[in-house]
Amino acid sequence: MATHEDKGAGASRPDGSSRATDIGGLGIALGLFVFAALIAWDASSYPERRSYAQIGPEIFPYIVGAGIAIFGVLTIVMARRGDFPEREALNFAPVLWLLAALGGMTALLYAGSGFIIASSVLFGLAARGFGRKPVWLTFLVGLLLNCMLYVLFRQGLGLSLPGGLIEPYINVLFR
């Protein structure tokens, strides 16, 4: 007699092995639907720029929103069937590092430290959250990368980024 594994991917589950509805999967589906609705709501405020063609570029957010909603439906189907893999236990330490990265960047921007320092803190703490050590090295790498990004955005693209302690010295180099 063929076992469940021999029947292939589309085989039904044997009696007694059905898994319960995955509540986390339903939560993910709800988040996808909310995200799709936000995209559609935002797209509804775009001005219409139609020419001889009956549709314009404002259609693309609706297409993206519809695609996300389709993923939401598929996620509901997977959650109802119990098709999601078992999750590992949540490790809170990396989550706390990432929250510290976001909070630190926000606090430093409000304090006026500028784009480079705030983004370097974001980079360094986030890299630590993903397991990279030592922290001082991640801050240094973040500082160098963000200096290059600042020059690219400010000088290359002409964007205005929050100034702080380091930015005026870089601006002097490019005058």
C-alpha atoms as a PDB file:
ATOM      1  CA  MET A   1       0.000   0.000   0.000  1.00  0.00           C
ATOM      2  CA  ALA A   2       1.307   3.464  -0.860  1.00  0.00           C
ATOM      3  CA  THR A   3       2.099   5.745   2.004  1.00  0.00           C
ATOM      4  CA  HIS A   4       1.138   9.409   2.208  1.00  0.00           C
ATOM      5  CA  GLU A   5       4.604  10.446   1.016  1.00  0.00           C
ATOM      6  CA  ASP A   6       4.310   8.248  -2.093  1.00  0.00           C
ATOM      7  CA  LYS A   7       1.142   9.942  -3.338  1.00  0.00           C
ATOM      8  CA  GLY A   8       2.774  13.230  -4.276  1.00  0.00           C
ATOM      9  CA  ALA A   9       2.236  16.871  -3.422  1.00  0.00           C
ATOM     10  CA  GLY A  10      -1.469  17.010  -4.275  1.00  0.00           C
ATOM     11  CA  ALA A  11      -2.463  14.010  -2.161  1.00  0.00           C
ATOM     12  CA  SER A  12      -5.021  14.443   0.579  1.00  0.00           C
ATOM     13  CA  ARG A  13      -4.022  13.906   4.173  1.00  0.00           C
ATOM     14  CA  PRO A  14      -4.747  10.562   5.794  1.00  0.00           C
ATOM     15  CA  ASP A  15      -7.507  10.451   8.388  1.00  0.00           C
ATOM     16  CA  GLY A  16      -6.569  12.030  11.684  1.00  0.00           C
ATOM     17  CA  SER A  17      -3.567  13.963  10.350  1.00  0.00           C
ATOM     18  CA  SER A  18      -5.330  17.164   9.347  1.00  0.00           C
ATOM     19  CA  ARG A  19      -3.850  20.215  10.974  1.00  0.00           C
ATOM     20  CA  ALA A  20      -5.852  22.948  12.627  1.00  0.00           C
ATOM     21  CA  THR A  21      -6.356  26.347  11.053  1.00  0.00           C
ATOM     22  CA  ASP A  22      -3.203  28.417  11.446  1.00  0.00           C
ATOM     23  CA  ILE A  23      -4.208  31.593  13.287  1.00  0.00           C
ATOM     24  CA  GLY A  24      -0.851  33.242  12.505  1.00  0.00           C
ATOM     25  CA  GLY A  25      -1.422  32.578   8.802  1.00  0.00           C
ATOM     26  CA  LEU A  26      -4.847  34.210   9.020  1.00  0.00           C
ATOM     27  CA  GLY A  27      -3.207  37.213  10.682  1.00  0.00           C
ATOM     28  CA  ILE A  28      -0.718  37.443   7.818  1.00  0.00           C
ATOM     29  CA  ALA A  29      -3.589  37.272   5.328  1.00  0.00           C
ATOM     30  CA  LEU A  30      -5.392  40.063   7.182  1.00  0.00           C
ATOM     31  CA  GLY A  31      -2.240  42.170   7.008  1.00  0.00           C
ATOM     32  CA  LEU A  32      -1.984  41.534   3.260  1.00  0.00           C
ATOM     33  CA  PHE A  33      -5.592  42.644   2.750  1.00  0.00           C
ATOM     34  CA  VAL A  34      -5.044  45.806   4.789  1.00  0.00           C
ATOM     35  CA  PHE A  35      -1.881  46.556   2.803  1.00  0.00           C
ATOM     36  CA  ALA A  36      -3.720  46.003  -0.505  1.00  0.00           C
ATOM     37  CA  ALA A  37      -6.548  48.284   0.638  1.00  0.00           C
ATOM     38  CA  LEU A  38      -4.081  51.010   1.648  1.00  0.00           C
ATOM     39  CA  ILE A  39      -2.415  50.854  -1.754  1.00  0.00           C
ATOM     40  CA  ALA A  40      -5.769  51.096  -3.540  1.00  0.00           C
ATOM     41  CA  TRP A  41      -6.905  53.943  -1.267  1.00  0.00           C
ATOM     42  CA  ASP A  42      -3.690  55.860  -1.910  1.00  0.00           C
ATOM     43  CA  ALA A  43      -3.938  55.214  -5.660  1.00  0.00           C
ATOM     44  CA  SER A  44      -7.450  56.640  -5.709  1.00  0.00           C
ATOM     45  CA  SER A  45      -5.968  60.074  -4.953  1.00  0.00           C
ATOM     46  CA  TYR A  46      -3.625  60.035  -7.968  1.00  0.00           C
ATOM     47  CA  PRO A  47      -4.557  62.437 -10.773  1.00  0.00           C
ATOM     48  CA  GLU A  48      -5.716  60.853 -14.017  1.00  0.00           C
ATOM     49  CA  ARG A  49      -3.278  61.383 -16.878  1.00  0.00           C
ATOM     50  CA  ARG A  50      -5.016  59.744 -19.779  1.00  0.00           C
ATOM     51  CA  SER A  51      -4.192  60.576 -23.336  1.00  0.00           C
ATOM     52  CA  TYR A  52      -5.211  58.583 -26.372  1.00  0.00           C
ATOM     53  CA  ALA A  53      -4.742  55.409 -24.321  1.00  0.00           C
ATOM     54  CA  GLN A  54      -7.646  54.561 -22.056  1.00  0.00           C
ATOM     55  CA  ILE A  55      -5.411  53.734 -19.114  1.00  0.00           C
ATOM     56  CA  GLY A  56      -2.444  55.574 -17.667  1.00  0.00           C
ATOM     57  CA  PRO A  57       0.340  54.948 -15.185  1.00  0.00           C
ATOM     58  CA  GLU A  58      -2.094  55.325 -12.280  1.00  0.00           C
ATOM     59  CA  ILE A  59      -3.326  51.787 -12.996  1.00  0.00           C
ATOM     60  CA  PHE A  60      -0.157  50.122 -11.677  1.00  0.00           C
ATOM     61  CA  PRO A  61      -0.830  50.656  -7.951  1.00  0.00           C
ATOM     62  CA  TYR A  62      -4.198  48.975  -8.483  1.00  0.00           C
ATOM     63  CA  ILE A  63      -2.467  46.035 -10.173  1.00  0.00           C
ATOM     64  CA  VAL A  64      -0.011  45.743  -7.277  1.00  0.00           C
ATOM     65  CA  GLY A  65      -2.866  45.983  -4.764  1.00  0.00           C
ATOM     66  CA  ALA A  66      -4.814  43.279  -6.597  1.00  0.00           C
ATOM     67  CA  GLY A  67      -1.742  41.027  -6.624  1.00  0.00           C
ATOM     68  CA  ILE A  68      -1.278  41.489  -2.880  1.00  0.00           C
ATOM     69  CA  ALA A  69      -4.977  40.723  -2.328  1.00  0.00           C
ATOM     70  CA  ILE A  70      -4.573  37.515  -4.374  1.00  0.00           C
ATOM     71  CA  PHE A  71      -1.667  36.556  -2.111  1.00  0.00           C
ATOM     72  CA  GLY A  72      -3.988  37.257   0.821  1.00  0.00           C
ATOM     73  CA  VAL A  73      -6.555  34.809  -0.554  1.00  0.00           C
ATOM     74  CA  LEU A  74      -3.883  32.172  -1.129  1.00  0.00           C
ATOM     75  CA  THR A  75      -2.586  32.732   2.395  1.00  0.00           C
ATOM     76  CA  ILE A  76      -6.082  32.137   3.786  1.00  0.00           C
ATOM     77  CA  VAL A  77      -6.300  28.881   1.830  1.00  0.00           C
ATOM     78  CA  MET A  78      -2.931  27.770   3.182  1.00  0.00           C
ATOM     79  CA  ALA A  79      -3.870  28.770   6.731  1.00  0.00           C
ATOM     80  CA  ARG A  80      -7.194  26.914   6.576  1.00  0.00           C
ATOM     81  CA  ARG A  81      -5.482  23.777   5.296  1.00  0.00           C
ATOM     82  CA  GLY A  82      -2.679  24.067   7.860  1.00  0.00           C
ATOM     83  CA  ASP A  83      -0.071  24.093   5.089  1.00  0.00           C
ATOM     84  CA  PHE A  84       2.335  26.483   6.802  1.00  0.00           C
ATOM     85  CA  PRO A  85       5.493  24.858   8.151  1.00  0.00           C
ATOM     86  CA  GLU A  86       6.004  24.668  11.885  1.00  0.00           C
ATOM     87  CA  ARG A  87       7.517  27.853  13.222  1.00  0.00           C
ATOM     88  CA  GLU A  88      10.639  28.039  15.308  1.00  0.00           C
ATOM     89  CA  ALA A  89      10.454  29.610  18.746  1.00  0.00           C
ATOM     90  CA  LEU A  90      10.754  33.384  18.658  1.00  0.00           C
ATOM     91  CA  ASN A  91      14.168  34.675  19.650  1.00  0.00           C
ATOM     92  CA  PHE A  92      13.557  38.068  21.241  1.00  0.00           C
ATOM     93  CA  ALA A  93      17.160  39.325  21.271  1.00  0.00           C
ATOM     94  CA  PRO A  94      17.382  40.085  17.508  1.00  0.00           C
ATOM     95  CA  VAL A  95      13.946  41.711  17.610  1.00  0.00           C
ATOM     96  CA  LEU A  96      15.102  43.983  20.429  1.00  0.00           C
ATOM     97  CA  TRP A  97      18.265  44.905  18.492  1.00  0.00           C
ATOM     98  CA  LEU A  98      16.155  45.868  15.464  1.00  0.00           C
ATOM     99  CA  LEU A  99      13.726  47.881  17.593  1.00  0.00           C
ATOM    100  CA  ALA A 100      16.695  49.632  19.209  1.00  0.00           C
ATOM    101  CA  ALA A 101      18.044  50.383  15.714  1.00  0.00           C
ATOM    102  CA  LEU A 102      14.789  52.011  14.613  1.00  0.00           C
ATOM    103  CA  GLY A 103      14.326  53.869  17.879  1.00  0.00           C
ATOM    104  CA  GLY A 104      17.930  55.038  17.958  1.00  0.00           C
ATOM    105  CA  MET A 105      17.799  56.345  14.406  1.00  0.00           C
ATOM    106  CA  THR A 106      14.533  58.190  15.069  1.00  0.00           C
ATOM    107  CA  ALA A 107      15.801  59.710  18.329  1.00  0.00           C
ATOM    108  CA  LEU A 108      19.065  60.811  16.732  1.00  0.00           C
ATOM    109  CA  LEU A 109      17.279  62.424  13.789  1.00  0.00           C
ATOM    110  CA  TYR A 110      15.004  64.345  16.157  1.00  0.00           C
ATOM    111  CA  ALA A 111      18.043  65.352  18.223  1.00  0.00           C
ATOM    112  CA  GLY A 112      19.646  66.834  15.104  1.00  0.00           C
ATOM    113  CA  SER A 113      22.571  64.473  14.700  1.00  0.00           C
ATOM    114  CA  GLY A 114      21.967  64.252  10.963  1.00  0.00           C
ATOM    115  CA  PHE A 115      21.507  61.592   8.321  1.00  0.00           C
ATOM    116  CA  ILE A 116      24.983  60.037   8.525  1.00  0.00           C
ATOM    117  CA  ILE A 117      25.142  59.421  12.268  1.00  0.00           C
ATOM    118  CA  ALA A 118      21.512  58.325  12.575  1.00  0.00           C
ATOM    119  CA  SER A 119      21.778  55.944   9.626  1.00  0.00           C
ATOM    120  CA  SER A 120      25.060  54.576  10.951  1.00  0.00           C
ATOM    121  CA  VAL A 121      23.372  53.720  14.241  1.00  0.00           C
ATOM    122  CA  LEU A 122      20.547  52.082  12.290  1.00  0.00           C
ATOM    123  CA  PHE A 123      23.041  50.056  10.247  1.00  0.00           C
ATOM    124  CA  GLY A 124      25.198  49.050  13.214  1.00  0.00           C
ATOM    125  CA  LEU A 125      22.375  47.946  15.514  1.00  0.00           C
ATOM    126  CA  ALA A 126      20.473  46.185  12.725  1.00  0.00           C
ATOM    127  CA  ALA A 127      23.619  44.312  11.686  1.00  0.00           C
ATOM    128  CA  ARG A 128      24.065  43.244  15.315  1.00  0.00           C
ATOM    129  CA  GLY A 129      20.451  42.087  15.355  1.00  0.00           C
ATOM    130  CA  PHE A 130      21.210  39.886  12.364  1.00  0.00           C
ATOM    131  CA  GLY A 131      24.163  38.396  14.232  1.00  0.00           C
ATOM    132  CA  ARG A 132      27.105  40.446  12.986  1.00  0.00           C
ATOM    133  CA  LYS A 133      29.840  41.160  15.534  1.00  0.00           C
ATOM    134  CA  PRO A 134      31.723  43.244  16.701  1.00  0.00           C
ATOM    135  CA  VAL A 135      29.321  46.147  17.060  1.00  0.00           C
ATOM    136  CA  TRP A 136      31.999  48.844  16.726  1.00  0.00           C
ATOM    137  CA  LEU A 137      32.950  47.452  13.314  1.00  0.00           C
ATOM    138  CA  THR A 138      29.350  47.492  12.094  1.00  0.00           C
ATOM    139  CA  PHE A 139      29.087  51.139  13.180  1.00  0.00           C
ATOM    140  CA  LEU A 140      32.290  51.969  11.300  1.00  0.00           C
ATOM    141  CA  VAL A 141      31.110  50.193   8.135  1.00  0.00           C
ATOM    142  CA  GLY A 142      27.759  51.964   8.463  1.00  0.00           C
ATOM    143  CA  LEU A 143      29.500  55.315   8.852  1.00  0.00           C
ATOM    144  CA  LEU A 144      31.559  54.816   5.684  1.00  0.00           C
ATOM    145  CA  LEU A 145      28.587  53.557   3.664  1.00  0.00           C
ATOM    146  CA  ASN A 146      26.355  56.387   4.833  1.00  0.00           C
ATOM    147  CA  CYS A 147      28.984  58.994   4.002  1.00  0.00           C
ATOM    148  CA  MET A 148      29.060  57.629   0.451  1.00  0.00           C
ATOM    149  CA  LEU A 149      25.252  57.553   0.324  1.00  0.00           C
ATOM    150  CA  TYR A 150      25.069  61.119   1.579  1.00  0.00           C
ATOM    151  CA  VAL A 151      27.401  62.303  -1.181  1.00  0.00           C
ATOM    152  CA  LEU A 152      25.434  60.320  -3.775  1.00  0.00           C
ATOM    153  CA  PHE A 153      22.045  61.627  -2.646  1.00  0.00           C
ATOM    154  CA  ARG A 154      23.145  65.192  -1.929  1.00  0.00           C
ATOM    155  CA  GLN A 155      25.575  65.848  -4.751  1.00  0.00           C
ATOM    156  CA  GLY A 156      24.507  63.307  -7.355  1.00  0.00           C
ATOM    157  CA  LEU A 157      20.724  63.497  -7.020  1.00  0.00           C
ATOM    158  CA  GLY A 158      20.393  66.896  -5.385  1.00  0.00           C
ATOM    159  CA  LEU A 159      18.279  65.602  -2.500  1.00  0.00           C
ATOM    160  CA  SER A 160      18.175  67.423   0.804  1.00  0.00           C
ATOM    161  CA  LEU A 161      18.947  65.105   3.714  1.00  0.00           C
ATOM    162  CA  PRO A 162      18.907  66.001   7.417  1.00  0.00           C
ATOM    163  CA  GLY A 163      22.086  67.823   8.302  1.00  0.00           C
ATOM    164  CA  GLY A 164      23.923  67.359  11.548  1.00  0.00           C
ATOM    165  CA  LEU A 165      27.461  67.110  12.837  1.00  0.00           C
ATOM    166  CA  ILE A 166      29.245  65.521   9.857  1.00  0.00           C
ATOM    167  CA  GLU A 167      27.245  66.746   6.870  1.00  0.00           C
ATOM    168  CA  PRO A 168      28.521  70.374   6.827  1.00  0.00           C
ATOM    169  CA  TYR A 169      32.118  69.130   6.539  1.00  0.00           C
ATOM    170  CA  ILE A 170      31.220  66.927   3.582  1.00  0.00           C
ATOM    171  CA  ASN A 171      29.296  69.769   1.919  1.00  0.00           C
ATOM    172  CA  VAL A 172      32.415  71.988   2.135  1.00  0.00           C
ATOM    173  CA  LEU A 173      34.379  69.411   0.140  1.00  0.00           C
ATOM    174  CA  PHE A 174      31.943  69.692  -2.783  1.00  0.00           C
ATOM    175  CA  ARG A 175      31.556  73.449  -3.093  1.00  0.00           C
END
